[in-house]
């Protein structure tokens, strides 16, 4: 007849000298199981999220850019040269350059640009907004420029007075090559992030001295 394997015996270690044998020992008292952790109450609106500074807390400064200079050689300090803006060309005939510039402004505003970040320059006829505002006097006209609350339009004669803005849009809508050659380099200097030029591509490339 087949042999029935014996069940393995579990040898338990005696705890102390007074431990009873395994055969006569009563079952140990089960250890208490930890209950569920208390659920925290709702986060107060004044409590900042982890990793974000609370109200009134200064934002941490951005990390310093690593230098590629060799170890042990201090980097010479000096005035930094502002980076050149990105240049975007929108081909358009002279008669449609102003309309193309207005469409570019609408796209910039739709993409999230603030109105005060945009400066529009014309090489030929003034934008109707500039003509209308100048009818109230140059003082109120340039006060709006200094307030930086809205898109500002200026003609070729005022480009030297206009201050830098993140985005400059130029409508090459007349004035000839001489005016374009004078206005476009100045417009590139005024733009700190993006320069949008609407007009004839050959005329624009000749004025800026590089293909765009």
N, C-alpha and C. Protein backbone atom coordinates (compact mmCIF):
# COMPACT_ATOMS: atom_id res chain seq x y z
N UNK A 1 0.84 -1.17 0.00
CA UNK A 1 0.00 0.00 0.00
C UNK A 1 0.89 1.24 0.00
N UNK A 2 0.41 2.35 -0.60
CA UNK A 2 1.26 3.54 -0.69
C UNK A 2 1.49 4.18 0.65
N UNK A 3 2.67 4.71 0.77
CA UNK A 3 3.01 5.36 2.02
C UNK A 3 2.44 6.77 2.06
N UNK A 4 1.91 7.10 3.19
CA UNK A 4 1.36 8.46 3.38
C UNK A 4 2.45 9.31 3.98
N UNK A 5 2.84 10.33 3.28
CA UNK A 5 3.92 11.17 3.83
C UNK A 5 3.46 11.85 5.10
N UNK A 6 4.36 11.90 6.00
CA UNK A 6 4.05 12.55 7.27
C UNK A 6 4.10 14.06 7.11
N UNK A 7 3.22 14.77 7.80
CA UNK A 7 3.21 16.21 7.76
C UNK A 7 4.45 16.73 8.47
N UNK A 8 5.08 17.71 7.90
CA UNK A 8 6.30 18.23 8.55
C UNK A 8 5.95 18.88 9.88
N UNK A 9 6.78 18.65 10.83
CA UNK A 9 6.59 19.24 12.15
C UNK A 9 7.23 20.61 12.20
N UNK A 10 6.51 21.58 12.72
CA UNK A 10 7.00 22.94 12.85
C UNK A 10 7.65 23.08 14.20
N UNK A 11 8.93 23.26 14.24
CA UNK A 11 9.67 23.40 15.50
C UNK A 11 9.66 24.87 15.89
N UNK A 12 9.05 25.18 16.98
CA UNK A 12 8.98 26.55 17.46
C UNK A 12 10.02 26.74 18.54
N UNK A 13 10.64 27.88 18.51
CA UNK A 13 11.67 28.20 19.48
C UNK A 13 11.01 28.57 20.80
N UNK A 14 11.53 27.99 21.83
CA UNK A 14 10.98 28.28 23.16
C UNK A 14 11.35 29.69 23.56
N UNK A 15 10.41 30.38 24.09
CA UNK A 15 10.63 31.75 24.54
C UNK A 15 10.82 31.73 26.05
N UNK A 16 12.04 31.77 26.47
CA UNK A 16 12.34 31.76 27.91
C UNK A 16 12.39 30.34 28.44
N UNK A 17 12.83 30.24 29.66
CA UNK A 17 12.97 28.92 30.26
C UNK A 17 11.64 28.32 30.64
N UNK A 18 10.60 29.12 30.80
CA UNK A 18 9.31 28.60 31.23
C UNK A 18 8.39 28.31 30.10
N UNK A 19 8.89 28.23 28.84
CA UNK A 19 8.01 28.01 27.70
C UNK A 19 7.48 26.60 27.74
N UNK A 20 6.25 26.40 27.37
CA UNK A 20 5.63 25.08 27.33
C UNK A 20 5.91 24.43 26.02
N UNK A 21 5.89 23.07 25.94
CA UNK A 21 6.10 22.38 24.66
C UNK A 21 5.07 22.80 23.65
N UNK A 22 5.43 22.55 22.35
CA UNK A 22 4.54 22.97 21.26
C UNK A 22 3.22 22.25 21.31
N UNK A 23 3.22 20.99 21.83
CA UNK A 23 1.99 20.22 21.81
C UNK A 23 0.97 20.72 22.80
N UNK A 24 1.43 21.26 23.96
CA UNK A 24 0.49 21.69 24.98
C UNK A 24 0.36 23.19 25.08
N UNK A 25 0.99 23.94 24.15
CA UNK A 25 0.99 25.40 24.25
C UNK A 25 -0.26 25.96 23.64
N UNK A 26 -0.83 26.93 24.29
CA UNK A 26 -2.03 27.59 23.76
C UNK A 26 -1.62 28.55 22.66
N UNK A 27 -2.59 28.86 21.80
CA UNK A 27 -2.32 29.75 20.67
C UNK A 27 -1.98 31.14 21.17
N UNK A 28 -0.93 31.74 20.61
CA UNK A 28 -0.53 33.08 21.08
C UNK A 28 -1.58 34.11 20.75
N UNK A 29 -1.59 35.11 21.56
CA UNK A 29 -2.54 36.21 21.32
C UNK A 29 -2.13 36.97 20.07
N UNK A 30 -3.05 37.13 19.10
CA UNK A 30 -2.66 37.83 17.86
C UNK A 30 -2.27 39.26 18.14
N UNK A 31 -1.26 39.72 17.37
CA UNK A 31 -0.82 41.10 17.52
C UNK A 31 -1.87 42.06 16.99
N UNK A 32 -1.97 43.20 17.59
CA UNK A 32 -2.97 44.18 17.08
C UNK A 32 -2.57 44.68 15.70
N UNK A 33 -3.52 44.75 14.81
CA UNK A 33 -3.29 45.25 13.44
C UNK A 33 -3.52 46.75 13.42
N UNK A 34 -2.56 47.49 12.93
CA UNK A 34 -2.77 48.96 12.90
C UNK A 34 -3.97 49.32 12.07
N UNK A 35 -4.75 50.20 12.56
CA UNK A 35 -5.93 50.64 11.84
C UNK A 35 -5.59 51.61 10.73
N UNK A 36 -6.56 52.04 9.96
CA UNK A 36 -6.28 52.99 8.87
C UNK A 36 -5.81 54.33 9.39
N UNK A 37 -4.91 54.95 8.62
CA UNK A 37 -4.39 56.24 9.03
C UNK A 37 -5.49 57.28 9.01
N UNK A 38 -5.46 58.22 9.93
CA UNK A 38 -6.51 59.26 9.93
C UNK A 38 -6.43 60.08 8.67
N UNK A 39 -7.60 60.31 8.10
CA UNK A 39 -7.68 61.10 6.87
C UNK A 39 -7.53 62.56 7.22
N UNK A 40 -6.56 63.26 6.62
CA UNK A 40 -6.41 64.68 6.95
C UNK A 40 -7.59 65.48 6.48
N UNK A 41 -7.84 66.56 7.14
CA UNK A 41 -8.95 67.41 6.79
C UNK A 41 -8.70 68.15 5.50
N UNK A 42 -9.69 68.84 4.97
CA UNK A 42 -9.51 69.57 3.71
C UNK A 42 -8.44 70.63 3.83
N UNK A 43 -7.61 70.77 2.74
CA UNK A 43 -6.53 71.75 2.73
C UNK A 43 -7.10 73.15 2.71
N UNK A 44 -6.57 73.96 3.57
CA UNK A 44 -7.04 75.34 3.61
C UNK A 44 -6.57 76.07 2.38
N UNK A 45 -7.35 77.04 1.96
CA UNK A 45 -6.97 77.81 0.76
C UNK A 45 -5.70 78.59 0.99
N UNK A 46 -5.40 78.90 2.26
CA UNK A 46 -4.19 79.68 2.53
C UNK A 46 -2.96 78.82 2.60
N UNK A 47 -3.16 77.48 2.65
CA UNK A 47 -1.99 76.60 2.75
C UNK A 47 -1.39 76.41 1.36
N UNK A 48 -0.13 76.75 1.16
CA UNK A 48 0.45 76.62 -0.19
C UNK A 48 0.68 75.18 -0.55
N UNK A 49 0.67 74.90 -1.83
CA UNK A 49 0.99 73.56 -2.30
C UNK A 49 2.45 73.27 -2.07
N UNK A 50 2.76 71.98 -1.88
CA UNK A 50 4.19 71.66 -1.68
C UNK A 50 5.02 72.10 -2.86
N UNK A 51 6.11 72.76 -2.56
CA UNK A 51 7.01 73.20 -3.62
C UNK A 51 6.72 74.57 -4.13
N UNK A 52 5.60 75.17 -3.71
CA UNK A 52 5.27 76.52 -4.16
C UNK A 52 5.35 77.47 -2.99
N UNK A 53 5.91 78.66 -3.20
CA UNK A 53 5.98 79.62 -2.10
C UNK A 53 4.62 80.14 -1.74
N UNK A 54 4.39 80.37 -0.47
CA UNK A 54 3.12 80.90 -0.01
C UNK A 54 3.02 82.37 -0.28
N UNK A 55 1.88 82.95 0.09
CA UNK A 55 1.71 84.40 -0.13
C UNK A 55 2.73 85.18 0.67
N UNK A 56 3.32 86.17 0.01
CA UNK A 56 4.29 87.01 0.67
C UNK A 56 5.68 86.44 0.71
N UNK A 57 5.84 85.22 0.17
CA UNK A 57 7.17 84.60 0.15
C UNK A 57 7.86 84.91 -1.15
N UNK A 58 9.07 85.36 -1.08
CA UNK A 58 9.80 85.71 -2.30
C UNK A 58 10.08 84.46 -3.11
N UNK A 59 9.92 84.56 -4.41
CA UNK A 59 10.20 83.43 -5.28
C UNK A 59 11.70 83.17 -5.32
N UNK A 60 12.08 81.90 -5.34
CA UNK A 60 13.52 81.61 -5.40
C UNK A 60 14.12 82.07 -6.70
N UNK A 61 15.35 82.51 -6.63
CA UNK A 61 16.03 82.97 -7.83
C UNK A 61 16.32 81.80 -8.74
N UNK A 62 16.27 82.00 -10.07
CA UNK A 62 16.55 80.91 -11.00
C UNK A 62 17.98 80.45 -10.84
N UNK A 63 18.22 79.16 -11.11
CA UNK A 63 19.59 78.65 -10.96
C UNK A 63 20.53 79.34 -11.93
N UNK A 64 21.73 79.56 -11.45
CA UNK A 64 22.73 80.22 -12.29
C UNK A 64 23.16 79.30 -13.41
N UNK A 65 23.39 79.88 -14.57
CA UNK A 65 23.79 79.11 -15.73
C UNK A 65 25.22 78.62 -15.54
N UNK A 66 25.42 77.37 -15.88
CA UNK A 66 26.74 76.80 -15.72
C UNK A 66 27.71 77.41 -16.71
N UNK A 67 28.91 77.62 -16.23
CA UNK A 67 29.94 78.19 -17.10
C UNK A 67 30.76 77.07 -17.70
N UNK A 68 31.14 77.23 -18.95
CA UNK A 68 31.93 76.22 -19.64
C UNK A 68 33.42 76.52 -19.55
N UNK A 69 33.80 77.46 -18.70
CA UNK A 69 35.22 77.78 -18.58
C UNK A 69 35.93 76.67 -17.83
N UNK A 70 37.22 76.59 -17.98
CA UNK A 70 38.00 75.54 -17.34
C UNK A 70 38.03 75.76 -15.85
N UNK A 71 38.23 74.64 -15.11
CA UNK A 71 38.26 74.73 -13.65
C UNK A 71 39.49 75.51 -13.23
N UNK A 72 39.29 76.34 -12.21
CA UNK A 72 40.40 77.12 -11.69
C UNK A 72 40.64 78.41 -12.42
N UNK A 73 39.90 78.65 -13.52
CA UNK A 73 40.05 79.90 -14.27
C UNK A 73 38.79 80.71 -14.10
N UNK A 74 38.81 81.78 -13.32
CA UNK A 74 37.59 82.57 -13.12
C UNK A 74 37.15 83.21 -14.41
N UNK A 75 35.83 83.26 -14.57
CA UNK A 75 35.26 83.84 -15.78
C UNK A 75 35.27 85.36 -15.67
N UNK A 76 35.77 86.01 -16.69
CA UNK A 76 35.86 87.47 -16.68
C UNK A 76 34.47 88.06 -16.77
N UNK A 77 34.21 89.04 -15.95
CA UNK A 77 32.91 89.70 -15.95
C UNK A 77 32.97 90.92 -16.84
N UNK A 78 31.83 91.20 -17.47
CA UNK A 78 31.77 92.35 -18.36
C UNK A 78 30.35 92.57 -18.82
N UNK A 79 30.08 93.61 -19.56
CA UNK A 79 28.71 93.87 -20.03
C UNK A 79 28.26 92.78 -20.98
N UNK A 80 27.00 92.33 -20.79
CA UNK A 80 26.44 91.29 -21.63
C UNK A 80 25.78 91.90 -22.87
N UNK A 81 25.93 91.24 -23.99
CA UNK A 81 25.34 91.70 -25.24
C UNK A 81 23.96 91.09 -25.39
N UNK A 82 22.91 91.89 -25.58
CA UNK A 82 21.57 91.33 -25.71
C UNK A 82 21.48 90.45 -26.95
N UNK A 83 20.74 89.37 -26.82
CA UNK A 83 20.61 88.43 -27.92
C UNK A 83 19.72 89.04 -29.01
N UNK A 84 20.01 88.66 -30.24
CA UNK A 84 19.25 89.18 -31.37
C UNK A 84 17.85 88.57 -31.36
N UNK A 85 16.84 89.33 -31.76
CA UNK A 85 15.48 88.80 -31.75
C UNK A 85 15.27 87.81 -32.89
N UNK A 86 14.27 86.99 -32.73
CA UNK A 86 13.85 86.12 -33.83
C UNK A 86 13.14 86.96 -34.87
N UNK A 87 13.43 86.69 -36.15
CA UNK A 87 12.86 87.49 -37.24
C UNK A 87 11.90 86.62 -38.04
N UNK A 88 10.71 87.13 -38.25
CA UNK A 88 9.70 86.44 -39.04
C UNK A 88 9.26 87.34 -40.18
N UNK A 89 9.29 86.82 -41.38
CA UNK A 89 8.91 87.58 -42.57
C UNK A 89 7.54 87.10 -43.06
N UNK A 90 6.66 88.06 -43.29
CA UNK A 90 5.35 87.78 -43.86
C UNK A 90 5.29 88.48 -45.22
N UNK A 91 5.45 87.74 -46.32
CA UNK A 91 5.41 88.37 -47.65
C UNK A 91 4.06 89.05 -47.90
N UNK A 92 4.12 90.27 -48.37
CA UNK A 92 2.91 91.01 -48.67
C UNK A 92 3.26 92.14 -49.63
N UNK A 93 2.32 92.50 -50.52
CA UNK A 93 2.57 93.66 -51.39
C UNK A 93 2.55 94.94 -50.57
N UNK A 94 3.07 95.99 -51.15
CA UNK A 94 3.14 97.25 -50.43
C UNK A 94 1.77 97.72 -49.97
N UNK A 95 0.77 97.55 -50.83
CA UNK A 95 -0.57 97.99 -50.47
C UNK A 95 -1.24 97.11 -49.42
N UNK A 96 -0.75 95.90 -49.21
CA UNK A 96 -1.36 95.00 -48.23
C UNK A 96 -0.50 94.76 -47.01
N UNK A 97 0.61 95.48 -46.89
CA UNK A 97 1.52 95.25 -45.76
C UNK A 97 0.87 95.66 -44.44
N UNK A 98 0.11 96.74 -44.43
CA UNK A 98 -0.52 97.18 -43.19
C UNK A 98 -1.58 96.19 -42.73
N UNK A 99 -2.36 95.66 -43.67
CA UNK A 99 -3.36 94.65 -43.30
C UNK A 99 -2.67 93.40 -42.76
N UNK A 100 -1.56 93.01 -43.38
CA UNK A 100 -0.83 91.84 -42.89
C UNK A 100 -0.27 92.08 -41.49
N UNK A 101 0.16 93.31 -41.22
CA UNK A 101 0.67 93.63 -39.89
C UNK A 101 -0.45 93.57 -38.85
N UNK A 102 -1.64 94.04 -39.20
CA UNK A 102 -2.76 93.97 -38.26
C UNK A 102 -3.14 92.52 -37.98
N UNK A 103 -3.11 91.67 -39.00
CA UNK A 103 -3.40 90.26 -38.78
C UNK A 103 -2.34 89.62 -37.89
N UNK A 104 -1.09 90.03 -38.08
CA UNK A 104 -0.02 89.49 -37.22
C UNK A 104 -0.23 89.90 -35.76
N UNK A 105 -0.68 91.13 -35.55
CA UNK A 105 -0.95 91.59 -34.18
C UNK A 105 -2.08 90.78 -33.56
N UNK A 106 -3.13 90.51 -34.35
CA UNK A 106 -4.24 89.71 -33.83
C UNK A 106 -3.78 88.31 -33.43
N UNK A 107 -2.91 87.71 -34.24
CA UNK A 107 -2.40 86.38 -33.91
C UNK A 107 -1.53 86.41 -32.66
N UNK A 108 -0.75 87.46 -32.51
CA UNK A 108 0.09 87.59 -31.32
C UNK A 108 -0.76 87.73 -30.06
N UNK A 109 -1.82 88.51 -30.14
CA UNK A 109 -2.71 88.67 -28.99
C UNK A 109 -3.43 87.38 -28.66
N UNK A 110 -3.85 86.65 -29.71
CA UNK A 110 -4.53 85.37 -29.49
C UNK A 110 -3.59 84.34 -28.88
N UNK A 111 -2.30 84.45 -29.16
CA UNK A 111 -1.34 83.49 -28.62
C UNK A 111 -0.93 83.80 -27.18
N UNK A 112 -1.42 84.90 -26.64
CA UNK A 112 -1.14 85.21 -25.24
C UNK A 112 -0.26 86.42 -25.01
N UNK A 113 0.18 87.09 -26.06
CA UNK A 113 0.98 88.29 -25.87
C UNK A 113 0.12 89.41 -25.30
N UNK A 114 0.68 90.13 -24.34
CA UNK A 114 -0.03 91.28 -23.79
C UNK A 114 0.02 92.43 -24.78
N UNK A 115 -1.04 93.23 -24.86
CA UNK A 115 -1.03 94.35 -25.82
C UNK A 115 0.13 95.30 -25.61
N UNK A 116 0.53 95.52 -24.37
CA UNK A 116 1.62 96.44 -24.09
C UNK A 116 2.99 95.93 -24.51
N UNK A 117 3.07 94.69 -24.96
CA UNK A 117 4.35 94.13 -25.40
C UNK A 117 4.60 94.35 -26.89
N UNK A 118 3.64 94.94 -27.61
CA UNK A 118 3.71 95.00 -29.07
C UNK A 118 3.84 96.46 -29.53
N UNK A 119 4.80 96.68 -30.43
CA UNK A 119 5.00 97.97 -31.09
C UNK A 119 4.87 97.75 -32.58
N UNK A 120 4.07 98.58 -33.25
CA UNK A 120 3.85 98.48 -34.69
C UNK A 120 4.42 99.72 -35.35
N UNK A 121 5.29 99.51 -36.33
CA UNK A 121 5.90 100.62 -37.08
C UNK A 121 5.49 100.53 -38.54
N UNK A 122 5.36 101.67 -39.16
CA UNK A 122 5.04 101.74 -40.59
C UNK A 122 6.11 102.56 -41.29
N UNK A 123 6.46 102.15 -42.50
CA UNK A 123 7.45 102.90 -43.28
C UNK A 123 6.81 103.92 -44.20
N UNK A 124 5.54 103.74 -44.47
CA UNK A 124 4.83 104.67 -45.36
C UNK A 124 3.74 105.42 -44.61
N UNK A 125 2.52 105.25 -45.06
CA UNK A 125 1.39 105.96 -44.45
C UNK A 125 1.19 105.50 -43.01
N UNK A 126 0.83 106.45 -42.14
CA UNK A 126 0.59 106.15 -40.74
C UNK A 126 -0.59 105.20 -40.57
N UNK A 127 -0.56 104.42 -39.50
CA UNK A 127 -1.73 103.62 -39.15
C UNK A 127 -2.86 104.56 -38.73
N UNK A 128 -4.11 104.24 -39.07
CA UNK A 128 -5.22 105.14 -38.71
C UNK A 128 -5.30 105.45 -37.22
N UNK A 129 -4.91 104.50 -36.37
CA UNK A 129 -4.94 104.77 -34.92
C UNK A 129 -3.96 105.87 -34.56
N UNK A 130 -2.76 105.81 -35.13
CA UNK A 130 -1.76 106.84 -34.83
C UNK A 130 -2.21 108.21 -35.34
N UNK A 131 -2.80 108.24 -36.51
CA UNK A 131 -3.30 109.50 -37.06
C UNK A 131 -4.37 110.10 -36.15
N UNK A 132 -5.26 109.24 -35.66
CA UNK A 132 -6.34 109.71 -34.80
C UNK A 132 -5.81 110.22 -33.47
N UNK A 133 -4.89 109.49 -32.85
CA UNK A 133 -4.38 109.89 -31.54
C UNK A 133 -3.50 111.13 -31.63
N UNK A 134 -2.77 111.29 -32.73
CA UNK A 134 -1.94 112.47 -32.90
C UNK A 134 -2.77 113.74 -33.08
N UNK A 135 -4.04 113.57 -33.44
CA UNK A 135 -4.91 114.74 -33.60
C UNK A 135 -5.21 115.40 -32.26
N UNK A 136 -4.99 114.68 -31.16
CA UNK A 136 -5.19 115.24 -29.82
C UNK A 136 -3.90 115.82 -29.25
N UNK A 137 -2.83 115.75 -30.01
CA UNK A 137 -1.57 116.31 -29.55
C UNK A 137 -0.55 115.22 -29.26
N UNK A 138 0.71 115.57 -29.44
CA UNK A 138 1.77 114.60 -29.25
C UNK A 138 1.95 114.21 -27.78
N UNK A 139 1.59 115.11 -26.87
CA UNK A 139 1.77 114.80 -25.45
C UNK A 139 0.94 113.60 -25.02
N UNK A 140 -0.36 113.64 -25.37
CA UNK A 140 -1.22 112.51 -25.01
C UNK A 140 -0.87 111.26 -25.81
N UNK A 141 -0.40 111.47 -27.05
CA UNK A 141 -0.02 110.34 -27.90
C UNK A 141 1.16 109.57 -27.30
N UNK A 142 2.21 110.28 -26.92
CA UNK A 142 3.38 109.62 -26.36
C UNK A 142 3.16 109.18 -24.92
N UNK A 143 2.17 109.77 -24.24
CA UNK A 143 1.83 109.29 -22.90
C UNK A 143 1.31 107.86 -22.96
N UNK A 144 0.57 107.54 -24.01
CA UNK A 144 0.10 106.17 -24.18
C UNK A 144 1.27 105.23 -24.49
N UNK A 145 2.25 105.74 -25.21
CA UNK A 145 3.44 104.94 -25.48
C UNK A 145 4.17 104.60 -24.19
N UNK A 146 4.33 105.59 -23.31
CA UNK A 146 5.05 105.39 -22.06
C UNK A 146 4.27 104.53 -21.08
N UNK A 147 2.93 104.55 -21.17
CA UNK A 147 2.11 103.74 -20.25
C UNK A 147 2.25 102.26 -20.53
N UNK A 148 2.51 101.87 -21.75
CA UNK A 148 2.70 100.45 -22.14
C UNK A 148 1.50 99.59 -21.75
N UNK A 149 0.31 100.12 -21.97
CA UNK A 149 -0.90 99.39 -21.65
C UNK A 149 -1.59 98.81 -22.88
N UNK A 150 -1.18 99.24 -24.06
CA UNK A 150 -1.85 98.79 -25.27
C UNK A 150 -0.85 98.75 -26.42
N UNK A 151 -1.28 98.16 -27.54
CA UNK A 151 -0.46 98.16 -28.74
C UNK A 151 -0.24 99.61 -29.17
N UNK A 152 1.00 99.93 -29.51
CA UNK A 152 1.32 101.30 -29.90
C UNK A 152 1.76 101.31 -31.36
N UNK A 153 1.21 102.27 -32.11
CA UNK A 153 1.51 102.41 -33.54
C UNK A 153 2.29 103.70 -33.75
N UNK A 154 3.36 103.60 -34.54
CA UNK A 154 4.18 104.77 -34.82
C UNK A 154 4.68 104.71 -36.25
N UNK A 155 4.96 105.89 -36.81
CA UNK A 155 5.45 105.98 -38.17
C UNK A 155 6.96 105.97 -38.22
N UNK A 156 7.49 106.04 -39.45
CA UNK A 156 8.94 105.97 -39.64
C UNK A 156 9.65 107.13 -38.98
N UNK A 157 9.02 108.30 -38.93
CA UNK A 157 9.66 109.46 -38.34
C UNK A 157 9.82 109.35 -36.83
N UNK A 158 9.03 108.46 -36.20
CA UNK A 158 9.06 108.35 -34.74
C UNK A 158 9.78 107.11 -34.26
N UNK A 159 10.43 106.37 -35.16
CA UNK A 159 11.04 105.11 -34.75
C UNK A 159 12.19 105.33 -33.78
N UNK A 160 12.90 106.44 -33.90
CA UNK A 160 14.02 106.69 -32.98
C UNK A 160 13.55 107.02 -31.57
N UNK A 161 12.33 107.52 -31.44
CA UNK A 161 11.80 107.86 -30.12
C UNK A 161 11.12 106.67 -29.45
N UNK A 162 10.68 105.72 -30.24
CA UNK A 162 9.99 104.56 -29.67
C UNK A 162 10.95 103.72 -28.84
N UNK A 163 10.47 103.24 -27.71
CA UNK A 163 11.28 102.42 -26.82
C UNK A 163 11.13 100.94 -27.16
N UNK A 164 12.04 100.15 -26.62
CA UNK A 164 12.06 98.72 -26.91
C UNK A 164 10.84 98.04 -26.32
N UNK A 165 10.38 97.01 -27.05
CA UNK A 165 9.30 96.16 -26.58
C UNK A 165 9.63 94.72 -26.99
N UNK A 166 9.03 93.74 -26.34
CA UNK A 166 9.33 92.36 -26.71
C UNK A 166 9.07 92.04 -28.17
N UNK A 167 8.00 92.59 -28.74
CA UNK A 167 7.63 92.29 -30.13
C UNK A 167 7.49 93.59 -30.89
N UNK A 168 8.12 93.65 -32.05
CA UNK A 168 7.99 94.80 -32.95
C UNK A 168 7.49 94.26 -34.29
N UNK A 169 6.42 94.85 -34.78
CA UNK A 169 5.84 94.50 -36.09
C UNK A 169 6.04 95.68 -37.02
N UNK A 170 6.62 95.42 -38.18
CA UNK A 170 6.88 96.49 -39.15
C UNK A 170 6.08 96.22 -40.41
N UNK A 171 5.34 97.22 -40.84
CA UNK A 171 4.63 97.16 -42.12
C UNK A 171 5.40 98.01 -43.12
N UNK A 172 6.02 97.34 -44.09
CA UNK A 172 6.75 98.06 -45.14
C UNK A 172 5.72 98.45 -46.20
N UNK A 173 5.01 99.53 -45.92
CA UNK A 173 3.89 99.94 -46.77
C UNK A 173 4.19 101.19 -47.57
N UNK A 174 5.46 101.44 -47.85
CA UNK A 174 5.82 102.60 -48.66
C UNK A 174 7.08 103.24 -48.14
N UNK A 175 7.39 104.40 -48.74
CA UNK A 175 8.57 105.13 -48.32
C UNK A 175 9.82 104.84 -49.13
N UNK A 176 9.82 103.75 -49.88
CA UNK A 176 10.98 103.45 -50.71
C UNK A 176 12.04 102.66 -49.96
N UNK A 177 13.06 102.26 -50.72
CA UNK A 177 14.14 101.45 -50.15
C UNK A 177 14.93 102.20 -49.08
N UNK A 178 15.08 103.50 -49.27
CA UNK A 178 15.87 104.28 -48.32
C UNK A 178 15.23 104.28 -46.93
N UNK A 179 13.92 104.47 -46.88
CA UNK A 179 13.23 104.49 -45.59
C UNK A 179 13.25 103.09 -44.97
N UNK A 180 13.03 102.06 -45.78
CA UNK A 180 13.05 100.70 -45.25
C UNK A 180 14.44 100.36 -44.71
N UNK A 181 15.49 100.82 -45.41
CA UNK A 181 16.85 100.53 -44.95
C UNK A 181 17.16 101.26 -43.64
N UNK A 182 16.45 102.34 -43.35
CA UNK A 182 16.68 103.07 -42.10
C UNK A 182 15.82 102.52 -40.97
N UNK A 183 14.57 102.17 -41.26
CA UNK A 183 13.63 101.77 -40.21
C UNK A 183 13.87 100.34 -39.74
N UNK A 184 14.12 99.42 -40.67
CA UNK A 184 14.20 98.01 -40.29
C UNK A 184 15.35 97.71 -39.32
N UNK A 185 16.57 98.22 -39.54
CA UNK A 185 17.61 97.95 -38.53
C UNK A 185 17.28 98.53 -37.16
N UNK A 186 16.65 99.71 -37.13
CA UNK A 186 16.24 100.29 -35.85
C UNK A 186 15.14 99.46 -35.20
N UNK A 187 14.23 98.94 -36.02
CA UNK A 187 13.17 98.09 -35.48
C UNK A 187 13.75 96.82 -34.88
N UNK A 188 14.76 96.27 -35.52
CA UNK A 188 15.40 95.07 -34.97
C UNK A 188 16.06 95.37 -33.63
N UNK A 189 16.60 96.58 -33.48
CA UNK A 189 17.18 96.96 -32.19
C UNK A 189 16.11 97.15 -31.11
N UNK A 190 14.92 97.57 -31.51
CA UNK A 190 13.85 97.80 -30.54
C UNK A 190 13.20 96.49 -30.09
N UNK A 191 13.27 95.45 -30.90
CA UNK A 191 12.62 94.17 -30.56
C UNK A 191 13.55 93.35 -29.67
N UNK A 192 13.06 92.98 -28.49
CA UNK A 192 13.87 92.18 -27.58
C UNK A 192 13.62 90.68 -27.73
N UNK A 193 12.52 90.28 -28.37
CA UNK A 193 12.22 88.85 -28.53
C UNK A 193 11.88 88.48 -29.97
N UNK A 194 11.02 89.26 -30.62
CA UNK A 194 10.52 88.89 -31.94
C UNK A 194 10.34 90.13 -32.81
N UNK A 195 10.80 90.01 -34.05
CA UNK A 195 10.60 91.06 -35.06
C UNK A 195 9.82 90.45 -36.21
N UNK A 196 8.65 91.02 -36.48
CA UNK A 196 7.79 90.56 -37.58
C UNK A 196 7.78 91.65 -38.64
N UNK A 197 8.15 91.31 -39.87
CA UNK A 197 8.22 92.28 -40.95
C UNK A 197 7.27 91.84 -42.05
N UNK A 198 6.38 92.73 -42.43
CA UNK A 198 5.40 92.45 -43.48
C UNK A 198 5.72 93.33 -44.69
N UNK A 199 5.96 92.69 -45.83
CA UNK A 199 6.27 93.44 -47.04
C UNK A 199 6.97 92.60 -48.07
N UNK A 200 7.65 93.27 -48.98
CA UNK A 200 8.36 92.59 -50.06
C UNK A 200 9.62 91.92 -49.51
N UNK A 201 9.78 90.63 -49.80
CA UNK A 201 10.89 89.88 -49.22
C UNK A 201 12.24 90.39 -49.69
N UNK A 202 12.36 90.73 -50.97
CA UNK A 202 13.65 91.20 -51.48
C UNK A 202 14.03 92.53 -50.85
N UNK A 203 13.06 93.41 -50.70
CA UNK A 203 13.33 94.71 -50.09
C UNK A 203 13.72 94.56 -48.62
N UNK A 204 13.07 93.64 -47.93
CA UNK A 204 13.36 93.43 -46.51
C UNK A 204 14.74 92.81 -46.33
N UNK A 205 15.07 91.83 -47.16
CA UNK A 205 16.40 91.20 -47.06
C UNK A 205 17.51 92.21 -47.33
N UNK A 206 17.28 93.09 -48.30
CA UNK A 206 18.30 94.09 -48.61
C UNK A 206 18.46 95.09 -47.46
N UNK A 207 17.36 95.42 -46.77
CA UNK A 207 17.43 96.39 -45.69
C UNK A 207 18.08 95.81 -44.45
N UNK A 208 17.81 94.53 -44.17
CA UNK A 208 18.36 93.91 -42.97
C UNK A 208 19.75 93.32 -43.21
N UNK A 209 20.13 93.19 -44.47
CA UNK A 209 21.46 92.67 -44.77
C UNK A 209 21.62 91.19 -44.59
N UNK A 210 20.52 90.45 -44.44
CA UNK A 210 20.59 89.00 -44.30
C UNK A 210 19.26 88.42 -44.69
N UNK A 211 19.28 87.17 -45.13
CA UNK A 211 18.02 86.49 -45.47
C UNK A 211 17.22 86.17 -44.24
N UNK A 212 15.94 86.44 -44.28
CA UNK A 212 15.07 86.17 -43.15
C UNK A 212 13.86 85.35 -43.62
